[in-house]
mmCIF file of all heavy atoms, coordinates in Angstrom:
data_MODEL
# 
_entry.id   MODEL 
# 
loop_
_atom_site.group_PDB 
_atom_site.id 
_atom_site.type_symbol 
_atom_site.label_atom_id 
_atom_site.label_alt_id 
_atom_site.label_comp_id 
_atom_site.label_asym_id 
_atom_site.label_entity_id 
_atom_site.label_seq_id 
_atom_site.pdbx_PDB_ins_code 
_atom_site.Cartn_x 
_atom_site.Cartn_y 
_atom_site.Cartn_z 
_atom_site.occupancy 
_atom_site.B_iso_or_equiv 
_atom_site.pdbx_formal_charge 
_atom_site.auth_seq_id 
_atom_site.auth_comp_id 
_atom_site.auth_asym_id 
_atom_site.auth_atom_id 
_atom_site.pdbx_PDB_model_num 
ATOM 1   N N   . LEU A 1 1  ? -33.135 107.340 -85.744 1.00 0.00 ? 1  LEU A N   1 
ATOM 2   C CA  . LEU A 1 1  ? -33.479 108.570 -85.156 1.00 0.00 ? 1  LEU A CA  1 
ATOM 3   C C   . LEU A 1 1  ? -34.456 108.219 -84.046 1.00 0.00 ? 1  LEU A C   1 
ATOM 4   O O   . LEU A 1 1  ? -35.489 107.573 -84.147 1.00 0.00 ? 1  LEU A O   1 
ATOM 5   C CB  . LEU A 1 1  ? -34.096 109.594 -86.132 1.00 0.00 ? 1  LEU A CB  1 
ATOM 6   C CG  . LEU A 1 1  ? -34.641 110.911 -85.481 1.00 0.00 ? 1  LEU A CG  1 
ATOM 7   C CD1 . LEU A 1 1  ? -33.507 111.702 -84.900 1.00 0.00 ? 1  LEU A CD1 1 
ATOM 8   C CD2 . LEU A 1 1  ? -35.363 111.684 -86.527 1.00 0.00 ? 1  LEU A CD2 1 
ATOM 9   N N   . ILE A 1 2  ? -34.099 108.761 -82.813 1.00 0.00 ? 2  ILE A N   1 
ATOM 10  C CA  . ILE A 1 2  ? -34.980 108.599 -81.586 1.00 0.00 ? 2  ILE A CA  1 
ATOM 11  C C   . ILE A 1 2  ? -35.346 109.984 -81.166 1.00 0.00 ? 2  ILE A C   1 
ATOM 12  O O   . ILE A 1 2  ? -34.465 110.657 -80.526 1.00 0.00 ? 2  ILE A O   1 
ATOM 13  C CB  . ILE A 1 2  ? -34.290 107.720 -80.555 1.00 0.00 ? 2  ILE A CB  1 
ATOM 14  C CG1 . ILE A 1 2  ? -33.843 106.397 -81.133 1.00 0.00 ? 2  ILE A CG1 1 
ATOM 15  C CG2 . ILE A 1 2  ? -35.161 107.531 -79.308 1.00 0.00 ? 2  ILE A CG2 1 
ATOM 16  C CD1 . ILE A 1 2  ? -32.955 105.605 -80.220 1.00 0.00 ? 2  ILE A CD1 1 
ATOM 17  N N   . ALA A 1 3  ? -36.508 110.433 -81.348 1.00 0.00 ? 3  ALA A N   1 
ATOM 18  C CA  . ALA A 1 3  ? -37.040 111.732 -80.898 1.00 0.00 ? 3  ALA A CA  1 
ATOM 19  C C   . ALA A 1 3  ? -37.924 111.685 -79.719 1.00 0.00 ? 3  ALA A C   1 
ATOM 20  O O   . ALA A 1 3  ? -38.311 110.583 -79.222 1.00 0.00 ? 3  ALA A O   1 
ATOM 21  C CB  . ALA A 1 3  ? -37.687 112.394 -82.094 1.00 0.00 ? 3  ALA A CB  1 
ATOM 22  N N   . ALA A 1 4  ? -38.317 112.817 -79.223 1.00 0.00 ? 4  ALA A N   1 
ATOM 23  C CA  . ALA A 1 4  ? -39.219 112.979 -78.022 1.00 0.00 ? 4  ALA A CA  1 
ATOM 24  C C   . ALA A 1 4  ? -40.334 113.946 -78.182 1.00 0.00 ? 4  ALA A C   1 
ATOM 25  O O   . ALA A 1 4  ? -39.980 115.007 -78.829 1.00 0.00 ? 4  ALA A O   1 
ATOM 26  C CB  . ALA A 1 4  ? -38.357 113.315 -76.707 1.00 0.00 ? 4  ALA A CB  1 
ATOM 27  N N   . SER A 1 5  ? -41.338 113.635 -77.645 1.00 0.00 ? 5  SER A N   1 
ATOM 28  C CA  . SER A 1 5  ? -42.548 114.592 -77.675 1.00 0.00 ? 5  SER A CA  1 
ATOM 29  C C   . SER A 1 5  ? -43.439 114.382 -76.551 1.00 0.00 ? 5  SER A C   1 
ATOM 30  O O   . SER A 1 5  ? -44.019 113.217 -76.435 1.00 0.00 ? 5  SER A O   1 
ATOM 31  C CB  . SER A 1 5  ? -43.313 114.437 -78.881 1.00 0.00 ? 5  SER A CB  1 
ATOM 32  O OG  . SER A 1 5  ? -44.475 115.352 -78.974 1.00 0.00 ? 5  SER A OG  1 
ATOM 33  N N   . GLY A 1 6  ? -43.527 115.241 -75.574 1.00 0.00 ? 6  GLY A N   1 
ATOM 34  C CA  . GLY A 1 6  ? -44.446 115.138 -74.459 1.00 0.00 ? 6  GLY A CA  1 
ATOM 35  C C   . GLY A 1 6  ? -43.872 114.664 -73.241 1.00 0.00 ? 6  GLY A C   1 
ATOM 36  O O   . GLY A 1 6  ? -43.788 113.411 -73.110 1.00 0.00 ? 6  GLY A O   1 
ATOM 37  N N   . MET A 1 7  ? -43.410 115.523 -72.230 1.00 0.00 ? 7  MET A N   1 
ATOM 38  C CA  . MET A 1 7  ? -42.896 115.031 -71.058 1.00 0.00 ? 7  MET A CA  1 
ATOM 39  C C   . MET A 1 7  ? -42.978 116.083 -69.904 1.00 0.00 ? 7  MET A C   1 
ATOM 40  O O   . MET A 1 7  ? -42.399 116.014 -68.859 1.00 0.00 ? 7  MET A O   1 
ATOM 41  C CB  . MET A 1 7  ? -41.490 114.635 -71.131 1.00 0.00 ? 7  MET A CB  1 
ATOM 42  C CG  . MET A 1 7  ? -40.407 115.754 -71.279 1.00 0.00 ? 7  MET A CG  1 
ATOM 43  S SD  . MET A 1 7  ? -39.742 116.398 -72.802 1.00 0.00 ? 7  MET A SD  1 
ATOM 44  C CE  . MET A 1 7  ? -40.238 115.366 -74.101 1.00 0.00 ? 7  MET A CE  1 
ATOM 45  N N   . ALA A 1 8  ? -43.900 117.065 -70.102 1.00 0.00 ? 8  ALA A N   1 
ATOM 46  C CA  . ALA A 1 8  ? -44.035 118.138 -69.189 1.00 0.00 ? 8  ALA A CA  1 
ATOM 47  C C   . ALA A 1 8  ? -44.928 117.722 -67.883 1.00 0.00 ? 8  ALA A C   1 
ATOM 48  O O   . ALA A 1 8  ? -45.621 116.765 -67.932 1.00 0.00 ? 8  ALA A O   1 
ATOM 49  C CB  . ALA A 1 8  ? -44.709 119.286 -69.925 1.00 0.00 ? 8  ALA A CB  1 
ATOM 50  N N   . GLY A 1 9  ? -44.778 118.573 -66.890 1.00 0.00 ? 9  GLY A N   1 
ATOM 51  C CA  . GLY A 1 9  ? -45.476 118.384 -65.673 1.00 0.00 ? 9  GLY A CA  1 
ATOM 52  C C   . GLY A 1 9  ? -45.042 117.121 -64.830 1.00 0.00 ? 9  GLY A C   1 
ATOM 53  O O   . GLY A 1 9  ? -44.035 116.741 -64.823 1.00 0.00 ? 9  GLY A O   1 
ATOM 54  N N   . TYR A 1 10 ? -46.195 116.600 -64.156 1.00 0.00 ? 10 TYR A N   1 
ATOM 55  C CA  . TYR A 1 10 ? -45.950 115.501 -63.165 1.00 0.00 ? 10 TYR A CA  1 
ATOM 56  C C   . TYR A 1 10 ? -46.965 114.479 -63.345 1.00 0.00 ? 10 TYR A C   1 
ATOM 57  O O   . TYR A 1 10 ? -47.483 113.942 -62.433 1.00 0.00 ? 10 TYR A O   1 
ATOM 58  C CB  . TYR A 1 10 ? -45.949 116.113 -61.770 1.00 0.00 ? 10 TYR A CB  1 
ATOM 59  C CG  . TYR A 1 10 ? -46.986 117.052 -61.404 1.00 0.00 ? 10 TYR A CG  1 
ATOM 60  C CD1 . TYR A 1 10 ? -48.243 116.585 -60.979 1.00 0.00 ? 10 TYR A CD1 1 
ATOM 61  C CD2 . TYR A 1 10 ? -46.840 118.373 -61.775 1.00 0.00 ? 10 TYR A CD2 1 
ATOM 62  C CE1 . TYR A 1 10 ? -49.219 117.502 -60.715 1.00 0.00 ? 10 TYR A CE1 1 
ATOM 63  C CE2 . TYR A 1 10 ? -47.888 119.422 -61.416 1.00 0.00 ? 10 TYR A CE2 1 
ATOM 64  C CZ  . TYR A 1 10 ? -49.203 118.882 -60.838 1.00 0.00 ? 10 TYR A CZ  1 
ATOM 65  O OH  . TYR A 1 10 ? -50.075 119.732 -60.658 1.00 0.00 ? 10 TYR A OH  1 
ATOM 66  N N   . GLY A 1 11 ? -47.380 114.250 -64.551 1.00 0.00 ? 11 GLY A N   1 
ATOM 67  C CA  . GLY A 1 11 ? -48.557 113.330 -64.819 1.00 0.00 ? 11 GLY A CA  1 
ATOM 68  C C   . GLY A 1 11 ? -48.064 111.894 -64.697 1.00 0.00 ? 11 GLY A C   1 
ATOM 69  O O   . GLY A 1 11 ? -46.994 111.538 -64.164 1.00 0.00 ? 11 GLY A O   1 
ATOM 70  N N   . LYS A 1 12 ? -49.004 111.004 -65.056 1.00 0.00 ? 12 LYS A N   1 
ATOM 71  C CA  . LYS A 1 12 ? -48.730 109.480 -64.822 1.00 0.00 ? 12 LYS A CA  1 
ATOM 72  C C   . LYS A 1 12 ? -47.423 109.079 -65.551 1.00 0.00 ? 12 LYS A C   1 
ATOM 73  O O   . LYS A 1 12 ? -47.215 109.301 -66.757 1.00 0.00 ? 12 LYS A O   1 
ATOM 74  C CB  . LYS A 1 12 ? -49.853 108.719 -65.247 1.00 0.00 ? 12 LYS A CB  1 
ATOM 75  C CG  . LYS A 1 12 ? -51.097 108.997 -64.498 1.00 0.00 ? 12 LYS A CG  1 
ATOM 76  C CD  . LYS A 1 12 ? -52.274 108.141 -64.937 1.00 0.00 ? 12 LYS A CD  1 
ATOM 77  C CE  . LYS A 1 12 ? -53.578 108.542 -64.191 1.00 0.00 ? 12 LYS A CE  1 
ATOM 78  N NZ  . LYS A 1 12 ? -54.795 107.691 -64.658 1.00 0.00 ? 12 LYS A NZ  1 
ATOM 79  N N   . SER A 1 13 ? -46.551 108.319 -64.881 1.00 0.00 ? 13 SER A N   1 
ATOM 80  C CA  . SER A 1 13 ? -45.307 107.858 -65.363 1.00 0.00 ? 13 SER A CA  1 
ATOM 81  C C   . SER A 1 13 ? -45.541 106.971 -66.580 1.00 0.00 ? 13 SER A C   1 
ATOM 82  O O   . SER A 1 13 ? -44.764 106.953 -67.573 1.00 0.00 ? 13 SER A O   1 
ATOM 83  C CB  . SER A 1 13 ? -44.501 107.112 -64.423 1.00 0.00 ? 13 SER A CB  1 
ATOM 84  O OG  . SER A 1 13 ? -44.187 108.020 -63.310 1.00 0.00 ? 13 SER A OG  1 
ATOM 85  N N   . ASN A 1 14 ? -46.578 106.115 -66.601 1.00 0.00 ? 14 ASN A N   1 
ATOM 86  C CA  . ASN A 1 14 ? -46.830 105.183 -67.631 1.00 0.00 ? 14 ASN A CA  1 
ATOM 87  C C   . ASN A 1 14 ? -47.263 105.689 -68.935 1.00 0.00 ? 14 ASN A C   1 
ATOM 88  O O   . ASN A 1 14 ? -47.447 104.976 -69.893 1.00 0.00 ? 14 ASN A O   1 
ATOM 89  C CB  . ASN A 1 14 ? -47.714 104.055 -67.095 1.00 0.00 ? 14 ASN A CB  1 
ATOM 90  C CG  . ASN A 1 14 ? -47.080 103.131 -66.042 1.00 0.00 ? 14 ASN A CG  1 
ATOM 91  O OD1 . ASN A 1 14 ? -45.798 103.098 -65.835 1.00 0.00 ? 14 ASN A OD1 1 
ATOM 92  N ND2 . ASN A 1 14 ? -47.796 102.405 -65.297 1.00 0.00 ? 14 ASN A ND2 1 
ATOM 93  N N   . GLU A 1 15 ? -47.639 107.082 -68.962 1.00 0.00 ? 15 GLU A N   1 
ATOM 94  C CA  . GLU A 1 15 ? -48.033 107.614 -70.148 1.00 0.00 ? 15 GLU A CA  1 
ATOM 95  C C   . GLU A 1 15 ? -46.833 107.938 -71.031 1.00 0.00 ? 15 GLU A C   1 
ATOM 96  O O   . GLU A 1 15 ? -46.956 108.133 -72.228 1.00 0.00 ? 15 GLU A O   1 
ATOM 97  C CB  . GLU A 1 15 ? -48.877 108.913 -69.900 1.00 0.00 ? 15 GLU A CB  1 
ATOM 98  C CG  . GLU A 1 15 ? -50.262 108.599 -69.304 1.00 0.00 ? 15 GLU A CG  1 
ATOM 99  C CD  . GLU A 1 15 ? -50.994 109.917 -68.884 1.00 0.00 ? 15 GLU A CD  1 
ATOM 100 O OE1 . GLU A 1 15 ? -50.314 111.033 -69.009 1.00 0.00 ? 15 GLU A OE1 1 
ATOM 101 O OE2 . GLU A 1 15 ? -52.141 109.668 -68.563 1.00 0.00 ? 15 GLU A OE2 1 
ATOM 102 N N   . ILE A 1 16 ? -45.555 107.879 -70.443 1.00 0.00 ? 16 ILE A N   1 
ATOM 103 C CA  . ILE A 1 16 ? -44.369 108.088 -71.271 1.00 0.00 ? 16 ILE A CA  1 
ATOM 104 C C   . ILE A 1 16 ? -44.101 106.693 -71.835 1.00 0.00 ? 16 ILE A C   1 
ATOM 105 O O   . ILE A 1 16 ? -43.873 105.656 -71.225 1.00 0.00 ? 16 ILE A O   1 
ATOM 106 C CB  . ILE A 1 16 ? -43.240 108.457 -70.334 1.00 0.00 ? 16 ILE A CB  1 
ATOM 107 C CG1 . ILE A 1 16 ? -43.481 109.806 -69.595 1.00 0.00 ? 16 ILE A CG1 1 
ATOM 108 C CG2 . ILE A 1 16 ? -41.947 108.587 -71.254 1.00 0.00 ? 16 ILE A CG2 1 
ATOM 109 C CD1 . ILE A 1 16 ? -43.539 111.041 -70.517 1.00 0.00 ? 16 ILE A CD1 1 
ATOM 110 N N   . GLN A 1 17 ? -44.184 106.608 -73.108 1.00 0.00 ? 17 GLN A N   1 
ATOM 111 C CA  . GLN A 1 17 ? -43.980 105.458 -73.913 1.00 0.00 ? 17 GLN A CA  1 
ATOM 112 C C   . GLN A 1 17 ? -43.098 105.634 -75.033 1.00 0.00 ? 17 GLN A C   1 
ATOM 113 O O   . GLN A 1 17 ? -42.765 106.703 -75.511 1.00 0.00 ? 17 GLN A O   1 
ATOM 114 C CB  . GLN A 1 17 ? -45.397 104.907 -74.412 1.00 0.00 ? 17 GLN A CB  1 
ATOM 115 C CG  . GLN A 1 17 ? -46.342 104.531 -73.358 1.00 0.00 ? 17 GLN A CG  1 
ATOM 116 C CD  . GLN A 1 17 ? -47.596 103.963 -73.847 1.00 0.00 ? 17 GLN A CD  1 
ATOM 117 O OE1 . GLN A 1 17 ? -47.809 103.777 -75.018 1.00 0.00 ? 17 GLN A OE1 1 
ATOM 118 N NE2 . GLN A 1 17 ? -48.476 103.449 -72.927 1.00 0.00 ? 17 GLN A NE2 1 
ATOM 119 N N   . THR A 1 18 ? -42.587 104.411 -75.572 1.00 0.00 ? 18 THR A N   1 
ATOM 120 C CA  . THR A 1 18 ? -41.704 104.361 -76.749 1.00 0.00 ? 18 THR A CA  1 
ATOM 121 C C   . THR A 1 18 ? -42.451 103.894 -77.932 1.00 0.00 ? 18 THR A C   1 
ATOM 122 O O   . THR A 1 18 ? -43.019 102.761 -77.769 1.00 0.00 ? 18 THR A O   1 
ATOM 123 C CB  . THR A 1 18 ? -40.452 103.528 -76.524 1.00 0.00 ? 18 THR A CB  1 
ATOM 124 O OG1 . THR A 1 18 ? -39.671 104.105 -75.495 1.00 0.00 ? 18 THR A OG1 1 
ATOM 125 C CG2 . THR A 1 18 ? -39.570 103.443 -77.780 1.00 0.00 ? 18 THR A CG2 1 
ATOM 126 N N   . ARG A 1 19 ? -42.589 104.492 -79.096 1.00 0.00 ? 19 ARG A N   1 
ATOM 127 C CA  . ARG A 1 19 ? -43.346 104.097 -80.285 1.00 0.00 ? 19 ARG A CA  1 
ATOM 128 C C   . ARG A 1 19 ? -42.523 104.078 -81.444 1.00 0.00 ? 19 ARG A C   1 
ATOM 129 O O   . ARG A 1 19 ? -41.661 104.925 -81.633 1.00 0.00 ? 19 ARG A O   1 
ATOM 130 C CB  . ARG A 1 19 ? -44.563 105.110 -80.474 1.00 0.00 ? 19 ARG A CB  1 
ATOM 131 C CG  . ARG A 1 19 ? -45.606 105.069 -79.310 1.00 0.00 ? 19 ARG A CG  1 
ATOM 132 C CD  . ARG A 1 19 ? -46.618 106.132 -79.535 1.00 0.00 ? 19 ARG A CD  1 
ATOM 133 N NE  . ARG A 1 19 ? -47.605 106.103 -78.478 1.00 0.00 ? 19 ARG A NE  1 
ATOM 134 C CZ  . ARG A 1 19 ? -47.474 106.816 -77.411 1.00 0.00 ? 19 ARG A CZ  1 
ATOM 135 N NH1 . ARG A 1 19 ? -46.279 107.420 -77.032 1.00 0.00 ? 19 ARG A NH1 1 
ATOM 136 N NH2 . ARG A 1 19 ? -48.343 106.776 -76.401 1.00 0.00 ? 19 ARG A NH2 1 
ATOM 137 N N   . LYS A 1 20 ? -42.542 103.003 -82.248 1.00 0.00 ? 20 LYS A N   1 
ATOM 138 C CA  . LYS A 1 20 ? -41.966 102.910 -83.433 1.00 0.00 ? 20 LYS A CA  1 
ATOM 139 C C   . LYS A 1 20 ? -42.762 103.397 -84.700 1.00 0.00 ? 20 LYS A C   1 
ATOM 140 O O   . LYS A 1 20 ? -43.868 103.016 -84.895 1.00 0.00 ? 20 LYS A O   1 
ATOM 141 C CB  . LYS A 1 20 ? -41.599 101.444 -83.781 1.00 0.00 ? 20 LYS A CB  1 
ATOM 142 C CG  . LYS A 1 20 ? -40.632 101.115 -84.962 1.00 0.00 ? 20 LYS A CG  1 
ATOM 143 C CD  . LYS A 1 20 ? -40.348 99.663  -85.150 1.00 0.00 ? 20 LYS A CD  1 
ATOM 144 C CE  . LYS A 1 20 ? -39.343 99.418  -86.225 1.00 0.00 ? 20 LYS A CE  1 
ATOM 145 N NZ  . LYS A 1 20 ? -38.947 98.106  -86.277 1.00 0.00 ? 20 LYS A NZ  1 
ATOM 146 N N   . ILE A 1 21 ? -42.274 104.542 -85.277 1.00 0.00 ? 21 ILE A N   1 
ATOM 147 C CA  . ILE A 1 21 ? -42.975 105.232 -86.278 1.00 0.00 ? 21 ILE A CA  1 
ATOM 148 C C   . ILE A 1 21 ? -42.751 104.648 -87.596 1.00 0.00 ? 21 ILE A C   1 
ATOM 149 O O   . ILE A 1 21 ? -43.667 104.368 -88.503 1.00 0.00 ? 21 ILE A O   1 
ATOM 150 C CB  . ILE A 1 21 ? -42.781 106.742 -86.171 1.00 0.00 ? 21 ILE A CB  1 
ATOM 151 C CG1 . ILE A 1 21 ? -42.985 107.326 -84.729 1.00 0.00 ? 21 ILE A CG1 1 
ATOM 152 C CG2 . ILE A 1 21 ? -43.663 107.465 -87.257 1.00 0.00 ? 21 ILE A CG2 1 
ATOM 153 C CD1 . ILE A 1 21 ? -44.275 107.076 -84.234 1.00 0.00 ? 21 ILE A CD1 1 
ATOM 154 N N   . THR A 1 22 ? -41.493 104.501 -87.949 1.00 0.00 ? 22 THR A N   1 
ATOM 155 C CA  . THR A 1 22 ? -41.047 103.909 -89.218 1.00 0.00 ? 22 THR A CA  1 
ATOM 156 C C   . THR A 1 22 ? -39.834 102.969 -88.808 1.00 0.00 ? 22 THR A C   1 
ATOM 157 O O   . THR A 1 22 ? -39.385 102.876 -87.622 1.00 0.00 ? 22 THR A O   1 
ATOM 158 C CB  . THR A 1 22 ? -40.502 104.946 -90.194 1.00 0.00 ? 22 THR A CB  1 
ATOM 159 O OG1 . THR A 1 22 ? -39.218 105.502 -89.802 1.00 0.00 ? 22 THR A OG1 1 
ATOM 160 C CG2 . THR A 1 22 ? -41.624 106.067 -90.316 1.00 0.00 ? 22 THR A CG2 1 
ATOM 161 N N   . PRO A 1 23 ? -39.308 102.173 -89.761 1.00 0.00 ? 23 PRO A N   1 
ATOM 162 C CA  . PRO A 1 23 ? -38.231 101.278 -89.469 1.00 0.00 ? 23 PRO A CA  1 
ATOM 163 C C   . PRO A 1 23 ? -37.052 101.902 -88.748 1.00 0.00 ? 23 PRO A C   1 
ATOM 164 O O   . PRO A 1 23 ? -36.270 101.268 -88.015 1.00 0.00 ? 23 PRO A O   1 
ATOM 165 C CB  . PRO A 1 23 ? -37.831 100.615 -90.721 1.00 0.00 ? 23 PRO A CB  1 
ATOM 166 C CG  . PRO A 1 23 ? -39.100 100.588 -91.572 1.00 0.00 ? 23 PRO A CG  1 
ATOM 167 C CD  . PRO A 1 23 ? -39.729 101.978 -91.167 1.00 0.00 ? 23 PRO A CD  1 
ATOM 168 N N   . HIS A 1 24 ? -36.765 103.189 -88.988 1.00 0.00 ? 24 HIS A N   1 
ATOM 169 C CA  . HIS A 1 24 ? -35.643 103.848 -88.425 1.00 0.00 ? 24 HIS A CA  1 
ATOM 170 C C   . HIS A 1 24 ? -35.966 105.049 -87.684 1.00 0.00 ? 24 HIS A C   1 
ATOM 171 O O   . HIS A 1 24 ? -35.196 105.950 -87.331 1.00 0.00 ? 24 HIS A O   1 
ATOM 172 C CB  . HIS A 1 24 ? -34.714 104.315 -89.592 1.00 0.00 ? 24 HIS A CB  1 
ATOM 173 C CG  . HIS A 1 24 ? -34.095 103.175 -90.289 1.00 0.00 ? 24 HIS A CG  1 
ATOM 174 N ND1 . HIS A 1 24 ? -33.165 102.341 -89.776 1.00 0.00 ? 24 HIS A ND1 1 
ATOM 175 C CD2 . HIS A 1 24 ? -34.334 102.653 -91.500 1.00 0.00 ? 24 HIS A CD2 1 
ATOM 176 C CE1 . HIS A 1 24 ? -32.832 101.425 -90.636 1.00 0.00 ? 24 HIS A CE1 1 
ATOM 177 N NE2 . HIS A 1 24 ? -33.584 101.502 -91.753 1.00 0.00 ? 24 HIS A NE2 1 
ATOM 178 N N   . PHE A 1 25 ? -37.282 105.252 -87.271 1.00 0.00 ? 25 PHE A N   1 
ATOM 179 C CA  . PHE A 1 25 ? -37.653 106.401 -86.516 1.00 0.00 ? 25 PHE A CA  1 
ATOM 180 C C   . PHE A 1 25 ? -38.621 106.027 -85.320 1.00 0.00 ? 25 PHE A C   1 
ATOM 181 O O   . PHE A 1 25 ? -39.589 105.429 -85.522 1.00 0.00 ? 25 PHE A O   1 
ATOM 182 C CB  . PHE A 1 25 ? -38.417 107.411 -87.524 1.00 0.00 ? 25 PHE A CB  1 
ATOM 183 C CG  . PHE A 1 25 ? -39.076 108.596 -86.811 1.00 0.00 ? 25 PHE A CG  1 
ATOM 184 C CD1 . PHE A 1 25 ? -38.309 109.295 -85.738 1.00 0.00 ? 25 PHE A CD1 1 
ATOM 185 C CD2 . PHE A 1 25 ? -40.196 109.209 -87.140 1.00 0.00 ? 25 PHE A CD2 1 
ATOM 186 C CE1 . PHE A 1 25 ? -38.810 110.399 -85.164 1.00 0.00 ? 25 PHE A CE1 1 
ATOM 187 C CE2 . PHE A 1 25 ? -40.795 110.257 -86.571 1.00 0.00 ? 25 PHE A CE2 1 
ATOM 188 C CZ  . PHE A 1 25 ? -40.050 110.940 -85.551 1.00 0.00 ? 25 PHE A CZ  1 
ATOM 189 N N   . TYR A 1 26 ? -38.174 106.429 -84.223 1.00 0.00 ? 26 TYR A N   1 
ATOM 190 C CA  . TYR A 1 26 ? -38.963 106.191 -82.918 1.00 0.00 ? 26 TYR A CA  1 
ATOM 191 C C   . TYR A 1 26 ? -39.213 107.508 -82.204 1.00 0.00 ? 26 TYR A C   1 
ATOM 192 O O   . TYR A 1 26 ? -38.552 108.552 -82.289 1.00 0.00 ? 26 TYR A O   1 
ATOM 193 C CB  . TYR A 1 26 ? -38.049 105.289 -81.972 1.00 0.00 ? 26 TYR A CB  1 
ATOM 194 C CG  . TYR A 1 26 ? -37.624 103.912 -82.640 1.00 0.00 ? 26 TYR A CG  1 
ATOM 195 C CD1 . TYR A 1 26 ? -36.588 103.889 -83.412 1.00 0.00 ? 26 TYR A CD1 1 
ATOM 196 C CD2 . TYR A 1 26 ? -38.343 102.796 -82.184 1.00 0.00 ? 26 TYR A CD2 1 
ATOM 197 C CE1 . TYR A 1 26 ? -36.237 102.603 -84.040 1.00 0.00 ? 26 TYR A CE1 1 
ATOM 198 C CE2 . TYR A 1 26 ? -38.017 101.475 -82.659 1.00 0.00 ? 26 TYR A CE2 1 
ATOM 199 C CZ  . TYR A 1 26 ? -36.899 101.452 -83.631 1.00 0.00 ? 26 TYR A CZ  1 
ATOM 200 O OH  . TYR A 1 26 ? -36.595 100.279 -84.137 1.00 0.00 ? 26 TYR A OH  1 
# 
């Protein structure tokens, strides 16, 4: 499962990141 949280506005691009939460959840 690959979910998303936080992408509003026009903030810094590098603040958008990919994180591994559990072995099957990102």
